[in-house]
Amino acid sequence: GFPLAKSGQGARALSAGFLSSLLGGLFGALLLTATLQVARQVVLW
């Protein structure tokens, strides 16, 4: 990221980072939802 900023592509690196963070966070929330559905029976053990 820092070499990209030093070469004048800071906005490119930031926008890629922000969108990747958004998609990664949404994936984490989706995985948490799916895990909770499966975990109902597992927790009883």
Full PDB file with SEQRES, HELIX, SHEET, SSBOND, CRYST1, ORIGX, SCALE, CONECT and MASTER records, all heavy atoms in Angstrom:
SEQRES   1 A   45  GLY PHE PRO LEU ALA LYS SER GLY GLN GLY ALA ARG ALA          
SEQRES   2 A   45  LEU SER ALA GLY PHE LEU SER SER LEU LEU GLY GLY LEU          
SEQRES   3 A   45  PHE GLY ALA LEU LEU LEU THR ALA THR LEU GLN VAL ALA          
SEQRES   4 A   45  ARG GLN VAL VAL LEU TRP                                      
HELIX    1 AA1 PHE A    2  LYS A    6  1                                   5    
HELIX    2 AA2 GLY A   10  VAL A   43  1                                  34    
CRYST1    1.000    1.000    1.000  90.00  90.00  90.00 P 1           1          
ORIGX1      1.000000  0.000000  0.000000        0.00000                         
ORIGX2      0.000000  1.000000  0.000000        0.00000                         
ORIGX3      0.000000  0.000000  1.000000        0.00000                         
SCALE1      1.000000  0.000000  0.000000        0.00000                         
SCALE2      0.000000  1.000000  0.000000        0.00000                         
SCALE3      0.000000  0.000000  1.000000        0.00000                         
ATOM      1  N   GLY A   1       0.806  -1.217   0.000  1.00  0.00           N  
ATOM      2  CA  GLY A   1       0.000   0.000   0.000  1.00  0.00           C  
ATOM      3  C   GLY A   1       0.836   1.262   0.000  1.00  0.00           C  
ATOM      4  O   GLY A   1       0.568   2.207  -0.762  1.00  0.00           O  
ATOM      5  N   PHE A   2       1.875   1.305   0.840  1.00  0.00           N  
ATOM      6  CA  PHE A   2       2.710   2.509   0.919  1.00  0.00           C  
ATOM      7  C   PHE A   2       3.499   2.746  -0.368  1.00  0.00           C  
ATOM      8  O   PHE A   2       3.563   3.889  -0.850  1.00  0.00           O  
ATOM      9  CB  PHE A   2       3.635   2.398   2.125  1.00  0.00           C  
ATOM     10  CG  PHE A   2       4.342   3.680   2.466  1.00  0.00           C  
ATOM     11  CD1 PHE A   2       3.657   4.881   2.539  1.00  0.00           C  
ATOM     12  CD2 PHE A   2       5.712   3.687   2.722  1.00  0.00           C  
ATOM     13  CE1 PHE A   2       4.307   6.067   2.862  1.00  0.00           C  
ATOM     14  CE2 PHE A   2       6.372   4.858   3.043  1.00  0.00           C  
ATOM     15  CZ  PHE A   2       5.670   6.047   3.103  1.00  0.00           C  
ATOM     16  N   PRO A   3       4.114   1.720  -0.988  1.00  0.00           N  
ATOM     17  CA  PRO A   3       4.764   1.957  -2.284  1.00  0.00           C  
ATOM     18  C   PRO A   3       3.799   2.472  -3.349  1.00  0.00           C  
ATOM     19  O   PRO A   3       4.176   3.304  -4.187  1.00  0.00           O  
ATOM     20  CB  PRO A   3       5.314   0.571  -2.658  1.00  0.00           C  
ATOM     21  CG  PRO A   3       5.539  -0.102  -1.353  1.00  0.00           C  
ATOM     22  CD  PRO A   3       4.417   0.367  -0.476  1.00  0.00           C  
ATOM     23  N   LEU A   4       2.551   1.984  -3.340  1.00  0.00           N  
ATOM     24  CA  LEU A   4       1.565   2.497  -4.290  1.00  0.00           C  
ATOM     25  C   LEU A   4       1.294   3.975  -4.047  1.00  0.00           C  
ATOM     26  O   LEU A   4       1.187   4.770  -4.997  1.00  0.00           O  
ATOM     27  CB  LEU A   4       0.260   1.703  -4.174  1.00  0.00           C  
ATOM     28  CG  LEU A   4       0.235   0.324  -4.841  1.00  0.00           C  
ATOM     29  CD1 LEU A   4      -0.972  -0.484  -4.373  1.00  0.00           C  
ATOM     30  CD2 LEU A   4       0.217   0.471  -6.365  1.00  0.00           C  
ATOM     31  N   ALA A   5       1.178   4.369  -2.760  1.00  0.00           N  
ATOM     32  CA  ALA A   5       0.940   5.781  -2.441  1.00  0.00           C  
ATOM     33  C   ALA A   5       2.121   6.641  -2.878  1.00  0.00           C  
ATOM     34  O   ALA A   5       1.943   7.748  -3.403  1.00  0.00           O  
ATOM     35  CB  ALA A   5       0.684   5.940  -0.943  1.00  0.00           C  
ATOM     36  N   LYS A   6       3.335   6.158  -2.658  1.00  0.00           N  
ATOM     37  CA  LYS A   6       4.524   6.933  -3.039  1.00  0.00           C  
ATOM     38  C   LYS A   6       4.635   7.086  -4.554  1.00  0.00           C  
ATOM     39  O   LYS A   6       5.241   8.038  -5.043  1.00  0.00           O  
ATOM     40  CB  LYS A   6       5.782   6.264  -2.483  1.00  0.00           C  
ATOM     41  CG  LYS A   6       5.915   6.386  -0.974  1.00  0.00           C  
ATOM     42  CD  LYS A   6       7.310   6.019  -0.480  1.00  0.00           C  
ATOM     43  CE  LYS A   6       7.599   4.553  -0.644  1.00  0.00           C  
ATOM     44  NZ  LYS A   6       8.905   4.170  -0.050  1.00  0.00           N  
ATOM     45  N   SER A   7       4.038   6.152  -5.295  1.00  0.00           N  
ATOM     46  CA  SER A   7       4.074   6.252  -6.755  1.00  0.00           C  
ATOM     47  C   SER A   7       2.877   7.015  -7.309  1.00  0.00           C  
ATOM     48  O   SER A   7       2.638   7.002  -8.526  1.00  0.00           O  
ATOM     49  CB  SER A   7       4.119   4.849  -7.370  1.00  0.00           C  
ATOM     50  OG  SER A   7       2.924   4.139  -7.088  1.00  0.00           O  
ATOM     51  N   GLY A   8       2.105   7.675  -6.430  1.00  0.00           N  
ATOM     52  CA  GLY A   8       0.965   8.475  -6.867  1.00  0.00           C  
ATOM     53  C   GLY A   8      -0.325   7.706  -7.021  1.00  0.00           C  
ATOM     54  O   GLY A   8      -1.287   8.215  -7.613  1.00  0.00           O  
ATOM     55  N   GLN A   9      -0.394   6.478  -6.516  1.00  0.00           N  
ATOM     56  CA  GLN A   9      -1.597   5.653  -6.644  1.00  0.00           C  
ATOM     57  C   GLN A   9      -2.247   5.393  -5.279  1.00  0.00           C  
ATOM     58  O   GLN A   9      -2.825   4.335  -5.044  1.00  0.00           O  
ATOM     59  CB  GLN A   9      -1.251   4.317  -7.308  1.00  0.00           C  
ATOM     60  CG  GLN A   9      -0.646   4.450  -8.690  1.00  0.00           C  
ATOM     61  CD  GLN A   9      -0.354   3.095  -9.307  1.00  0.00           C  
ATOM     62  OE1 GLN A   9      -1.263   2.403  -9.766  1.00  0.00           O  
ATOM     63  NE2 GLN A   9       0.909   2.717  -9.320  1.00  0.00           N  
ATOM     64  N   GLY A  10      -2.148   6.374  -4.377  1.00  0.00           N  
ATOM     65  CA  GLY A  10      -2.710   6.215  -3.050  1.00  0.00           C  
ATOM     66  C   GLY A  10      -4.216   6.011  -3.079  1.00  0.00           C  
ATOM     67  O   GLY A  10      -4.756   5.182  -2.342  1.00  0.00           O  
ATOM     68  N   ALA A  11      -4.920   6.755  -3.945  1.00  0.00           N  
ATOM     69  CA  ALA A  11      -6.380   6.628  -4.029  1.00  0.00           C  
ATOM     70  C   ALA A  11      -6.768   5.241  -4.529  1.00  0.00           C  
ATOM     71  O   ALA A  11      -7.761   4.660  -4.075  1.00  0.00           O  
ATOM     72  CB  ALA A  11      -6.947   7.699  -4.952  1.00  0.00           C  
ATOM     73  N   ARG A  12      -5.984   4.700  -5.457  1.00  0.00           N  
ATOM     74  CA  ARG A  12      -6.254   3.347  -5.964  1.00  0.00           C  
ATOM     75  C   ARG A  12      -6.113   2.319  -4.840  1.00  0.00           C  
ATOM     76  O   ARG A  12      -6.974   1.450  -4.669  1.00  0.00           O  
ATOM     77  CB  ARG A  12      -5.284   3.017  -7.101  1.00  0.00           C  
ATOM     78  CG  ARG A  12      -5.447   1.614  -7.659  1.00  0.00           C  
ATOM     79  CD  ARG A  12      -4.304   1.263  -8.598  1.00  0.00           C  
ATOM     80  NE  ARG A  12      -4.426  -0.085  -9.126  1.00  0.00           N  
ATOM     81  CZ  ARG A  12      -3.459  -0.727  -9.774  1.00  0.00           C  
ATOM     82  NH1 ARG A  12      -2.278  -0.118  -9.968  1.00  0.00           N  
ATOM     83  NH2 ARG A  12      -3.643  -1.951 -10.221  1.00  0.00           N  
ATOM     84  N   ALA A  13      -5.028   2.425  -4.085  1.00  0.00           N  
ATOM     85  CA  ALA A  13      -4.798   1.489  -2.989  1.00  0.00           C  
ATOM     86  C   ALA A  13      -5.879   1.613  -1.915  1.00  0.00           C  
ATOM     87  O   ALA A  13      -6.364   0.610  -1.374  1.00  0.00           O  
ATOM     88  CB  ALA A  13      -3.419   1.720  -2.378  1.00  0.00           C  
ATOM     89  N   LEU A  14      -6.271   2.856  -1.600  1.00  0.00           N  
ATOM     90  CA  LEU A  14      -7.294   3.060  -0.571  1.00  0.00           C  
ATOM     91  C   LEU A  14      -8.652   2.531  -1.010  1.00  0.00           C  
ATOM     92  O   LEU A  14      -9.350   1.859  -0.235  1.00  0.00           O  
ATOM     93  CB  LEU A  14      -7.400   4.544  -0.219  1.00  0.00           C  
ATOM     94  CG  LEU A  14      -6.293   5.122   0.662  1.00  0.00           C  
ATOM     95  CD1 LEU A  14      -6.508   6.611   0.872  1.00  0.00           C  
ATOM     96  CD2 LEU A  14      -6.242   4.408   2.009  1.00  0.00           C  
ATOM     97  N   SER A  15      -9.061   2.834  -2.234  1.00  0.00           N  
ATOM     98  CA  SER A  15     -10.381   2.367  -2.684  1.00  0.00           C  
ATOM     99  C   SER A  15     -10.414   0.843  -2.751  1.00  0.00           C  
ATOM    100  O   SER A  15     -11.421   0.217  -2.382  1.00  0.00           O  
ATOM    101  CB  SER A  15     -10.732   2.972  -4.046  1.00  0.00           C  
ATOM    102  OG  SER A  15      -9.798   2.564  -5.037  1.00  0.00           O  
ATOM    103  N   ALA A  16      -9.312   0.220  -3.192  1.00  0.00           N  
ATOM    104  CA  ALA A  16      -9.244  -1.242  -3.207  1.00  0.00           C  
ATOM    105  C   ALA A  16      -9.303  -1.789  -1.777  1.00  0.00           C  
ATOM    106  O   ALA A  16      -9.992  -2.780  -1.503  1.00  0.00           O  
ATOM    107  CB  ALA A  16      -7.966  -1.713  -3.902  1.00  0.00           C  
ATOM    108  N   GLY A  17      -8.600  -1.126  -0.865  1.00  0.00           N  
ATOM    109  CA  GLY A  17      -8.601  -1.563   0.528  1.00  0.00           C  
ATOM    110  C   GLY A  17      -9.960  -1.414   1.176  1.00  0.00           C  
ATOM    111  O   GLY A  17     -10.428  -2.309   1.898  1.00  0.00           O  
ATOM    112  N   PHE A  18     -10.650  -0.268   0.922  1.00  0.00           N  
ATOM    113  CA  PHE A  18     -11.962  -0.038   1.532  1.00  0.00           C  
ATOM    114  C   PHE A  18     -12.991  -1.052   1.027  1.00  0.00           C  
ATOM    115  O   PHE A  18     -13.769  -1.612   1.808  1.00  0.00           O  
ATOM    116  CB  PHE A  18     -12.453   1.374   1.239  1.00  0.00           C  
ATOM    117  CG  PHE A  18     -11.602   2.451   1.847  1.00  0.00           C  
ATOM    118  CD1 PHE A  18     -11.493   3.701   1.247  1.00  0.00           C  
ATOM    119  CD2 PHE A  18     -10.885   2.219   3.007  1.00  0.00           C  
ATOM    120  CE1 PHE A  18     -10.713   4.700   1.809  1.00  0.00           C  
ATOM    121  CE2 PHE A  18     -10.090   3.209   3.574  1.00  0.00           C  
ATOM    122  CZ  PHE A  18     -10.004   4.452   2.968  1.00  0.00           C  
ATOM    123  N   LEU A  19     -13.012  -1.288  -0.298  1.00  0.00           N  
ATOM    124  CA  LEU A  19     -13.985  -2.227  -0.848  1.00  0.00           C  
ATOM    125  C   LEU A  19     -13.683  -3.658  -0.391  1.00  0.00           C  
ATOM    126  O   LEU A  19     -14.603  -4.428  -0.068  1.00  0.00           O  
ATOM    127  CB  LEU A  19     -13.980  -2.151  -2.380  1.00  0.00           C  
ATOM    128  CG  LEU A  19     -15.025  -3.026  -3.090  1.00  0.00           C  
ATOM    129  CD1 LEU A  19     -16.432  -2.715  -2.586  1.00  0.00           C  
ATOM    130  CD2 LEU A  19     -14.943  -2.835  -4.607  1.00  0.00           C  
ATOM    131  N   SER A  20     -12.401  -4.009  -0.327  1.00  0.00           N  
ATOM    132  CA  SER A  20     -12.020  -5.340   0.162  1.00  0.00           C  
ATOM    133  C   SER A  20     -12.424  -5.509   1.624  1.00  0.00           C  
ATOM    134  O   SER A  20     -12.903  -6.576   2.034  1.00  0.00           O  
ATOM    135  CB  SER A  20     -10.511  -5.552   0.011  1.00  0.00           C  
ATOM    136  OG  SER A  20     -10.113  -5.437  -1.329  1.00  0.00           O  
ATOM    137  N   SER A  21     -12.228  -4.458   2.423  1.00  0.00           N  
ATOM    138  CA  SER A  21     -12.631  -4.512   3.835  1.00  0.00           C  
ATOM    139  C   SER A  21     -14.128  -4.708   3.969  1.00  0.00           C  
ATOM    140  O   SER A  21     -14.599  -5.491   4.812  1.00  0.00           O  
ATOM    141  CB  SER A  21     -12.211  -3.217   4.545  1.00  0.00           C  
ATOM    142  OG  SER A  21     -10.812  -3.091   4.592  1.00  0.00           O  
ATOM    143  N   LEU A  22     -14.894  -4.000   3.139  1.00  0.00           N  
ATOM    144  CA  LEU A  22     -16.350  -4.130   3.164  1.00  0.00           C  
ATOM    145  C   LEU A  22     -16.772  -5.560   2.844  1.00  0.00           C  
ATOM    146  O   LEU A  22     -17.561  -6.174   3.580  1.00  0.00           O  
ATOM    147  CB  LEU A  22     -16.970  -3.154   2.162  1.00  0.00           C  
ATOM    148  CG  LEU A  22     -18.465  -3.345   1.856  1.00  0.00           C  
ATOM    149  CD1 LEU A  22     -19.302  -3.174   3.109  1.00  0.00           C  
ATOM    150  CD2 LEU A  22     -18.911  -2.374   0.763  1.00  0.00           C  
ATOM    151  N   LEU A  23     -16.221  -6.112   1.746  1.00  0.00           N  
ATOM    152  CA  LEU A  23     -16.606  -7.460   1.337  1.00  0.00           C  
ATOM    153  C   LEU A  23     -16.151  -8.500   2.363  1.00  0.00           C  
ATOM    154  O   LEU A  23     -16.875  -9.458   2.667  1.00  0.00           O  
ATOM    155  CB  LEU A  23     -16.015  -7.771  -0.040  1.00  0.00           C  
ATOM    156  CG  LEU A  23     -16.530  -6.890  -1.188  1.00  0.00           C  
ATOM    157  CD1 LEU A  23     -15.798  -7.215  -2.477  1.00  0.00           C  
ATOM    158  CD2 LEU A  23     -18.034  -7.067  -1.368  1.00  0.00           C  
ATOM    159  N   GLY A  24     -14.961  -8.310   2.928  1.00  0.00           N  
ATOM    160  CA  GLY A  24     -14.470  -9.233   3.952  1.00  0.00           C  
ATOM    161  C   GLY A  24     -15.332  -9.193   5.202  1.00  0.00           C  
ATOM    162  O   GLY A  24     -15.652 -10.231   5.792  1.00  0.00           O  
ATOM    163  N   GLY A  25     -15.733  -7.994   5.621  1.00  0.00           N  
ATOM    164  CA  GLY A  25     -16.592  -7.864   6.797  1.00  0.00           C  
ATOM    165  C   GLY A  25     -17.954  -8.499   6.585  1.00  0.00           C  
ATOM    166  O   GLY A  25     -18.497  -9.162   7.487  1.00  0.00           O  
ATOM    167  N   LEU A  26     -18.523  -8.314   5.394  1.00  0.00           N  
ATOM    168  CA  LEU A  26     -19.821  -8.929   5.095  1.00  0.00           C  
ATOM    169  C   LEU A  26     -19.706 -10.451   5.053  1.00  0.00           C  
ATOM    170  O   LEU A  26     -20.609 -11.168   5.507  1.00  0.00           O  
ATOM    171  CB  LEU A  26     -20.354  -8.400   3.756  1.00  0.00           C  
ATOM    172  CG  LEU A  26     -20.753  -6.917   3.740  1.00  0.00           C  
ATOM    173  CD1 LEU A  26     -21.185  -6.500   2.350  1.00  0.00           C  
ATOM    174  CD2 LEU A  26     -21.869  -6.641   4.745  1.00  0.00           C  
ATOM    175  N   PHE A  27     -18.590 -10.941   4.533  1.00  0.00           N  
ATOM    176  CA  PHE A  27     -18.372 -12.394   4.517  1.00  0.00           C  
ATOM    177  C   PHE A  27     -18.288 -12.933   5.943  1.00  0.00           C  
ATOM    178  O   PHE A  27     -18.838 -13.994   6.252  1.00  0.00           O  
ATOM    179  CB  PHE A  27     -17.088 -12.730   3.758  1.00  0.00           C  
ATOM    180  CG  PHE A  27     -16.801 -14.206   3.683  1.00  0.00           C  
ATOM    181  CD1 PHE A  27     -17.331 -14.977   2.659  1.00  0.00           C  
ATOM    182  CD2 PHE A  27     -16.003 -14.830   4.636  1.00  0.00           C  
ATOM    183  CE1 PHE A  27     -17.080 -16.345   2.590  1.00  0.00           C  
ATOM    184  CE2 PHE A  27     -15.741 -16.188   4.575  1.00  0.00           C  
ATOM    185  CZ  PHE A  27     -16.282 -16.948   3.549  1.00  0.00           C  
ATOM    186  N   GLY A  28     -17.592 -12.199   6.829  1.00  0.00           N  
ATOM    187  CA  GLY A  28     -17.496 -12.616   8.231  1.00  0.00           C  
ATOM    188  C   GLY A  28     -18.863 -12.685   8.895  1.00  0.00           C  
ATOM    189  O   GLY A  28     -19.163 -13.622   9.646  1.00  0.00           O  
ATOM    190  N   ALA A  29     -19.716 -11.683   8.616  1.00  0.00           N  
ATOM    191  CA  ALA A  29     -21.072 -11.687   9.187  1.00  0.00           C  
ATOM    192  C   ALA A  29     -21.889 -12.853   8.642  1.00  0.00           C  
ATOM    193  O   ALA A  29     -22.649 -13.500   9.376  1.00  0.00           O  
ATOM    194  CB  ALA A  29     -21.759 -10.357   8.873  1.00  0.00           C  
ATOM    195  N   LEU A  30     -21.740 -13.136   7.331  1.00  0.00           N  
ATOM    196  CA  LEU A  30     -22.461 -14.253   6.719  1.00  0.00           C  
ATOM    197  C   LEU A  30     -22.009 -15.581   7.313  1.00  0.00           C  
ATOM    198  O   LEU A  30     -22.834 -16.462   7.621  1.00  0.00           O  
ATOM    199  CB  LEU A  30     -22.232 -14.244   5.208  1.00  0.00           C  
ATOM    200  CG  LEU A  30     -22.955 -15.320   4.396  1.00  0.00           C  
ATOM    201  CD1 LEU A  30     -24.470 -15.154   4.509  1.00  0.00           C  
ATOM    202  CD2 LEU A  30     -22.519 -15.265   2.931  1.00  0.00           C  
ATOM    203  N   LEU A  31     -20.699 -15.737   7.505  1.00  0.00           N  
ATOM    204  CA  LEU A  31     -20.171 -16.971   8.087  1.00  0.00           C  
ATOM    205  C   LEU A  31     -20.659 -17.149   9.525  1.00  0.00           C  
ATOM    206  O   LEU A  31     -20.999 -18.262   9.952  1.00  0.00           O  
ATOM    207  CB  LEU A  31     -18.647 -16.952   8.056  1.00  0.00           C  
ATOM    208  CG  LEU A  31     -17.955 -18.202   8.610  1.00  0.00           C  
ATOM    209  CD1 LEU A  31     -18.183 -19.382   7.690  1.00  0.00           C  
ATOM    210  CD2 LEU A  31     -16.468 -17.964   8.789  1.00  0.00           C  
ATOM    211  N   LEU A  32     -20.698 -16.051  10.293  1.00  0.00           N  
ATOM    212  CA  LEU A  32     -21.197 -16.120  11.668  1.00  0.00           C  
ATOM    213  C   LEU A  32     -22.647 -16.584  11.690  1.00  0.00           C  
ATOM    214  O   LEU A  32     -23.036 -17.427  12.505  1.00  0.00           O  
ATOM    215  CB  LEU A  32     -21.056 -14.749  12.333  1.00  0.00           C  
ATOM    216  CG  LEU A  32     -21.601 -14.602  13.762  1.00  0.00           C  
ATOM    217  CD1 LEU A  32     -20.928 -15.589  14.704  1.00  0.00           C  
ATOM    218  CD2 LEU A  32     -21.402 -13.169  14.253  1.00  0.00           C  
ATOM    219  N   THR A  33     -23.456 -16.078  10.769  1.00  0.00           N  
ATOM    220  CA  THR A  33     -24.864 -16.487  10.690  1.00  0.00           C  
ATOM    221  C   THR A  33     -24.982 -17.974  10.390  1.00  0.00           C  
ATOM    222  O   THR A  33     -25.743 -18.704  11.043  1.00  0.00           O  
ATOM    223  CB  THR A  33     -25.586 -15.683   9.593  1.00  0.00           C  
ATOM    224  OG1 THR A  33     -25.396 -14.286   9.825  1.00  0.00           O  
ATOM    225  CG2 THR A  33     -27.074 -16.000   9.577  1.00  0.00           C  
ATOM    226  N   ALA A  34     -24.216 -18.433   9.391  1.00  0.00           N  
ATOM    227  CA  ALA A  34     -24.275 -19.846   9.009  1.00  0.00           C  
ATOM    228  C   ALA A  34     -23.798 -20.746  10.143  1.00  0.00           C  
ATOM    229  O   ALA A  34     -24.373 -21.811  10.405  1.00  0.00           O  
ATOM    230  CB  ALA A  34     -23.433 -20.081   7.756  1.00  0.00           C  
ATOM    231  N   THR A  35     -22.748 -20.310  10.841  1.00  0.00           N  
ATOM    232  CA  THR A  35     -22.202 -21.109  11.939  1.00  0.00           C  
ATOM    233  C   THR A  35     -23.212 -21.252  13.063  1.00  0.00           C  
ATOM    234  O   THR A  35     -23.358 -22.325  13.658  1.00  0.00           O  
ATOM    235  CB  THR A  35     -20.914 -20.471  12.478  1.00  0.00           C  
ATOM    236  OG1 THR A  35     -19.983 -20.334  11.412  1.00  0.00           O  
ATOM    237  CG2 THR A  35     -20.293 -21.311  13.571  1.00  0.00           C  
ATOM    238  N   LEU A  36     -23.919 -20.178  13.374  1.00  0.00           N  
ATOM    239  CA  LEU A  36     -24.895 -20.223  14.460  1.00  0.00           C  
ATOM    240  C   LEU A  36     -26.037 -21.190  14.139  1.00  0.00           C  
ATOM    241  O   LEU A  36     -26.571 -21.852  15.033  1.00  0.00           O  
ATOM    242  CB  LEU A  36     -25.450 -18.827  14.728  1.00  0.00           C  
ATOM    243  CG  LEU A  36     -24.455 -17.825  15.329  1.00  0.00           C  
ATOM    244  CD1 LEU A  36     -25.123 -16.465  15.491  1.00  0.00           C  
ATOM    245  CD2 LEU A  36     -23.933 -18.310  16.669  1.00  0.00           C  
ATOM    246  N   GLN A  37     -26.405 -21.263  12.867  1.00  0.00           N  
ATOM    247  CA  GLN A  37     -27.474 -22.193  12.497  1.00  0.00           C  
ATOM    248  C   GLN A  37     -27.050 -23.639  12.738  1.00  0.00           C  
ATOM    249  O   GLN A  37     -27.830 -24.472  13.190  1.00  0.00           O  
ATOM    250  CB  GLN A  37     -27.842 -21.999  11.012  1.00  0.00           C  
ATOM    251  CG  GLN A  37     -28.343 -20.613  10.653  1.00  0.00           C  
ATOM    252  CD  GLN A  37     -29.611 -20.242  11.401  1.00  0.00           C  
ATOM    253  OE1 GLN A  37     -30.443 -21.082  11.694  1.00  0.00           O  
ATOM    254  NE2 GLN A  37     -29.766 -18.965  11.716  1.00  0.00           N  
ATOM    255  N   VAL A  38     -25.780 -23.944  12.439  1.00  0.00           N  
ATOM    256  CA  VAL A  38     -25.267 -25.304  12.613  1.00  0.00           C  
ATOM    257  C   VAL A  38     -24.975 -25.594  14.082  1.00  0.00           C  
ATOM    258  O   VAL A  38     -25.077 -26.732  14.552  1.00  0.00           O  
ATOM    259  CB  VAL A  38     -23.990 -25.503  11.765  1.00  0.00           C  
ATOM    260  CG1 VAL A  38     -23.386 -26.880  11.995  1.00  0.00           C  
ATOM    261  CG2 VAL A  38     -24.300 -25.293  10.288  1.00  0.00           C  
ATOM    262  N   ALA A  39     -24.587 -24.534  14.820  1.00  0.00           N  
ATOM    263  CA  ALA A  39     -24.070 -24.727  16.180  1.00  0.00           C  
ATOM    264  C   ALA A  39     -25.139 -25.057  17.212  1.00  0.00           C  
ATOM    265  O   ALA A  39     -24.807 -25.459  18.322  1.00  0.00           O  
ATOM    266  CB  ALA A  39     -23.326 -23.465  16.626  1.00  0.00           C  
ATOM    267  N   ARG A  40     -26.404 -24.899  16.889  1.00  0.00           N  
ATOM    268  CA  ARG A  40     -27.453 -25.143  17.880  1.00  0.00           C  
ATOM    269  C   ARG A  40     -27.332 -26.543  18.499  1.00  0.00           C  
ATOM    270  O   ARG A  40     -27.440 -26.718  19.704  1.00  0.00           O  
ATOM    271  CB  ARG A  40     -28.837 -24.990  17.235  1.00  0.00           C  
ATOM    272  CG  ARG A  40     -29.218 -23.556  16.916  1.00  0.00           C  
ATOM    273  CD  ARG A  40     -30.564 -23.523  16.199  1.00  0.00           C  
ATOM    274  NE  ARG A  40     -30.961 -22.172  15.858  1.00  0.00           N  
ATOM    275  CZ  ARG A  40     -31.714 -21.388  16.615  1.00  0.00           C  
ATOM    276  NH1 ARG A  40     -32.127 -21.823  17.784  1.00  0.00           N  
ATOM    277  NH2 ARG A  40     -32.043 -20.178  16.236  1.00  0.00           N  
ATOM    278  N   GLN A  41     -27.117 -27.547  17.640  1.00  0.00           N  
ATOM    279  CA  GLN A  41     -27.021 -28.910  18.138  1.00  0.00           C  
ATOM    280  C   GLN A  41     -25.668 -29.177  18.784  1.00  0.00           C  
ATOM    281  O   GLN A  41     -25.566 -29.860  19.801  1.00  0.00           O  
ATOM    282  CB  GLN A  41     -27.254 -29.906  16.989  1.00  0.00           C  
ATOM    283  CG  GLN A  41     -27.257 -31.363  17.424  1.00  0.00           C  
ATOM    284  CD  GLN A  41     -28.348 -31.663  18.442  1.00  0.00           C  
ATOM    285  OE1 GLN A  41     -29.465 -31.149  18.341  1.00  0.00           O  
ATOM    286  NE2 GLN A  41     -28.035 -32.488  19.431  1.00  0.00           N  
ATOM    287  N   VAL A  42     -24.603 -28.593  18.213  1.00  0.00           N  
ATOM    288  CA  VAL A  42     -23.252 -28.845  18.719  1.00  0.00           C  
ATOM    289  C   VAL A  42     -23.099 -28.346  20.150  1.00  0.00           C  
ATOM    290  O   VAL A  42     -22.483 -29.004  20.999  1.00  0.00           O  
ATOM    291  CB  VAL A  42     -22.202 -28.169  17.811  1.00  0.00           C  
ATOM    292  CG1 VAL A  42     -20.796 -28.335  18.385  1.00  0.00           C  
ATOM    293  CG2 VAL A  42     -22.275 -28.757  16.409  1.00  0.00           C  
ATOM    294  N   VAL A  43     -23.675 -27.182  20.454  1.00  0.00           N  
ATOM    295  CA  VAL A  43     -23.546 -26.591  21.788  1.00  0.00           C  
ATOM    296  C   VAL A  43     -24.144 -27.503  22.851  1.00  0.00           C  
ATOM    297  O   VAL A  43     -23.671 -27.551  23.991  1.00  0.00           O  
ATOM    298  CB  VAL A  43     -24.221 -25.196  21.817  1.00  0.00           C  
ATOM    299  CG1 VAL A  43     -24.331 -24.676  23.233  1.00  0.00           C  
ATOM    300  CG2 VAL A  43     -23.411 -24.215  20.976  1.00  0.00           C  
ATOM    301  N   LEU A  44     -25.169 -28.274  22.492  1.00  0.00           N  
ATOM    302  CA  LEU A  44     -25.812 -29.167  23.461  1.00  0.00           C  
ATOM    303  C   LEU A  44     -24.881 -30.301  23.900  1.00  0.00           C  
ATOM    304  O   LEU A  44     -25.129 -30.949  24.921  1.00  0.00           O  
ATOM    305  CB  LEU A  44     -27.101 -29.746  22.864  1.00  0.00           C  
ATOM    306  CG  LEU A  44     -28.195 -28.720  22.504  1.00  0.00           C  
ATOM    307  CD1 LEU A  44     -29.381 -29.423  21.875  1.00  0.00           C  
ATOM    308  CD2 LEU A  44     -28.625 -27.939  23.744  1.00  0.00           C  
ATOM    309  N   TRP A  45     -23.832 -30.572  23.125  1.00  0.00           N  
ATOM    310  CA  TRP A  45     -22.877 -31.623  23.494  1.00  0.00           C  
ATOM    311  C   TRP A  45     -21.920 -31.166  24.591  1.00  0.00           C  
ATOM    312  O   TRP A  45     -21.182 -31.973  25.142  1.00  0.00           O  
ATOM    313  CB  TRP A  45     -22.059 -32.045  22.278  1.00  0.00           C  
ATOM    314  CG  TRP A  45     -22.865 -32.600  21.140  1.00  0.00           C  
ATOM    315  CD1 TRP A  45     -24.151 -33.063  21.183  1.00  0.00           C  
ATOM    316  CD2 TRP A  45     -22.437 -32.740  19.783  1.00  0.00           C  
ATOM    317  NE1 TRP A  45     -24.554 -33.479  19.949  1.00  0.00           N  
ATOM    318  CE2 TRP A  45     -23.519 -33.299  19.054  1.00  0.00           C  
ATOM    319  CE3 TRP A  45     -21.261 -32.449  19.103  1.00  0.00           C  
ATOM    320  CZ2 TRP A  45     -23.449 -33.575  17.700  1.00  0.00           C  
ATOM    321  CZ3 TRP A  45     -21.179 -32.729  17.751  1.00  0.00           C  
ATOM    322  CH2 TRP A  45     -22.263 -33.280  17.057  1.00  0.00           C  
TER     323      TRP A  45                                                      
MASTER        0    0    0    2    0    0    0    6  322    1    0    4          
END                                                                             
